[in-house]
């Protein structure tokens, strides 16, 4: 069976960062406000977790140019971030299988 190599990733593992990565994996890009609402956190909490992921090069962030309306911030998972998420999820599955009783 081929698939991602199971690798526990400390950056992805934090609950909010794991949820951010999963949300971003389902789409090409997401607006900051959507992530904040989905996670039900403050701007500062979300910004802190996005900063950690961005420093690991797991995501990119950009602003939408706007003349009149406030500029919106968009977030996308990078290829490196998708690989880290896939490996981390594979490791969680592997660990869960070890804990499951055999039939």
Protein backbone atom coordinates (compact mmCIF):
# COMPACT_ATOMS: atom_id res chain seq x y z
CA UNK A 1 0.00 0.00 0.00
CA UNK A 2 1.48 3.31 -1.05
CA UNK A 3 0.75 6.62 0.53
CA UNK A 4 2.39 9.28 2.60
CA UNK A 5 5.12 8.23 4.98
CA UNK A 6 3.77 8.33 8.54
CA UNK A 7 5.64 11.14 10.30
CA UNK A 8 4.56 12.84 13.51
CA UNK A 9 4.78 16.59 12.89
CA UNK A 10 5.00 18.79 16.02
CA UNK A 11 4.07 21.91 14.03
CA UNK A 12 0.89 20.40 12.59
CA UNK A 13 -0.07 18.49 15.74
CA UNK A 14 -1.27 21.45 17.83
CA UNK A 15 -5.10 21.26 17.74
CA UNK A 16 -5.77 24.63 16.08
CA UNK A 17 -2.95 24.18 13.57
CA UNK A 18 -4.18 20.69 12.70
CA UNK A 19 -7.67 22.06 12.11
CA UNK A 20 -6.29 24.96 10.03
CA UNK A 21 -4.34 22.55 7.83
CA UNK A 22 -7.35 20.27 7.37
CA UNK A 23 -9.58 23.21 6.44
CA UNK A 24 -7.01 24.51 3.95
CA UNK A 25 -6.43 21.05 2.46
CA UNK A 26 -10.07 20.98 1.39
CA UNK A 27 -9.73 24.17 -0.69
CA UNK A 28 -7.18 26.13 -2.68
CA UNK A 29 -7.46 29.19 -0.49
CA UNK A 30 -9.49 30.43 2.47
CA UNK A 31 -10.17 33.87 3.86
CA UNK A 32 -8.79 34.70 7.30
CA UNK A 33 -12.28 35.50 8.59
CA UNK A 34 -13.60 32.11 7.49
CA UNK A 35 -10.84 30.32 9.40
CA UNK A 36 -11.50 32.50 12.46
CA UNK A 37 -15.22 31.66 12.36
CA UNK A 38 -14.67 27.94 11.80
CA UNK A 39 -12.21 27.72 14.69
CA UNK A 40 -14.18 30.15 16.87
CA UNK A 41 -11.05 31.99 17.97
CA UNK A 42 -9.94 35.60 18.14
CA UNK A 43 -7.88 37.27 15.43
CA UNK A 44 -4.81 37.18 17.68
CA UNK A 45 -5.09 33.44 18.39
CA UNK A 46 -5.52 32.64 14.70
CA UNK A 47 -2.67 34.96 13.72
CA UNK A 48 -0.35 33.25 16.21
CA UNK A 49 -1.03 29.80 14.73
CA UNK A 50 -0.83 31.04 11.15
CA UNK A 51 2.55 32.60 11.93
CA UNK A 52 3.92 29.26 13.16
CA UNK A 53 2.65 27.48 10.05
CA UNK A 54 3.98 30.23 7.77
CA UNK A 55 7.42 30.12 9.43
CA UNK A 56 7.48 26.36 8.76
CA UNK A 57 6.64 27.20 5.13
CA UNK A 58 3.40 25.19 5.44
CA UNK A 59 1.22 28.03 4.23
CA UNK A 60 1.25 31.32 2.40
CA UNK A 61 -0.75 34.42 3.11
CA UNK A 62 -1.69 37.31 0.88
CA UNK A 63 -3.87 40.41 0.85
CA UNK A 64 -6.52 41.14 -1.73
CA UNK A 65 -6.09 44.60 -3.20
CA UNK A 66 -9.14 46.74 -2.47
CA UNK A 67 -9.74 50.43 -3.05
CA UNK A 68 -12.75 51.01 -0.80
CA UNK A 69 -13.39 47.91 1.26
CA UNK A 70 -11.01 46.59 3.92
CA UNK A 71 -8.31 44.38 2.46
CA UNK A 72 -9.00 40.70 2.96
CA UNK A 73 -6.32 38.24 3.93
CA UNK A 74 -6.23 34.89 2.15
CA UNK A 75 -4.42 31.77 3.32
CA UNK A 76 -3.28 28.75 1.27
CA UNK A 77 -1.56 25.51 2.16
CA UNK A 78 1.75 25.00 0.36
CA UNK A 79 2.88 21.73 -1.19
CA UNK A 80 5.20 21.32 1.79
CA UNK A 81 2.26 21.92 4.14
CA UNK A 82 0.09 19.35 2.36
CA UNK A 83 2.90 16.81 2.58
CA UNK A 84 3.34 17.52 6.31
CA UNK A 85 -0.40 17.19 6.93
CA UNK A 86 -0.65 13.96 4.94
CA UNK A 87 2.30 12.44 6.79
CA UNK A 88 0.94 13.52 10.16
CA UNK A 89 -2.52 12.10 9.43
CA UNK A 90 -0.91 8.84 8.27
CA UNK A 91 1.00 8.65 11.57
CA UNK A 92 -2.18 9.32 13.58
CA UNK A 93 -3.92 6.51 11.66
CA UNK A 94 -0.98 4.21 12.34
CA UNK A 95 -1.08 5.02 16.05
CA UNK A 96 -4.85 4.56 16.19
CA UNK A 97 -4.49 1.14 14.59
CA UNK A 98 -2.02 0.12 17.30
CA UNK A 99 -4.52 1.12 19.99
CA UNK A 100 -7.47 -0.67 18.36
CA UNK A 101 -8.18 -4.18 19.60
CA UNK A 102 -7.82 -6.89 17.00
CA UNK A 103 -10.99 -8.64 15.87
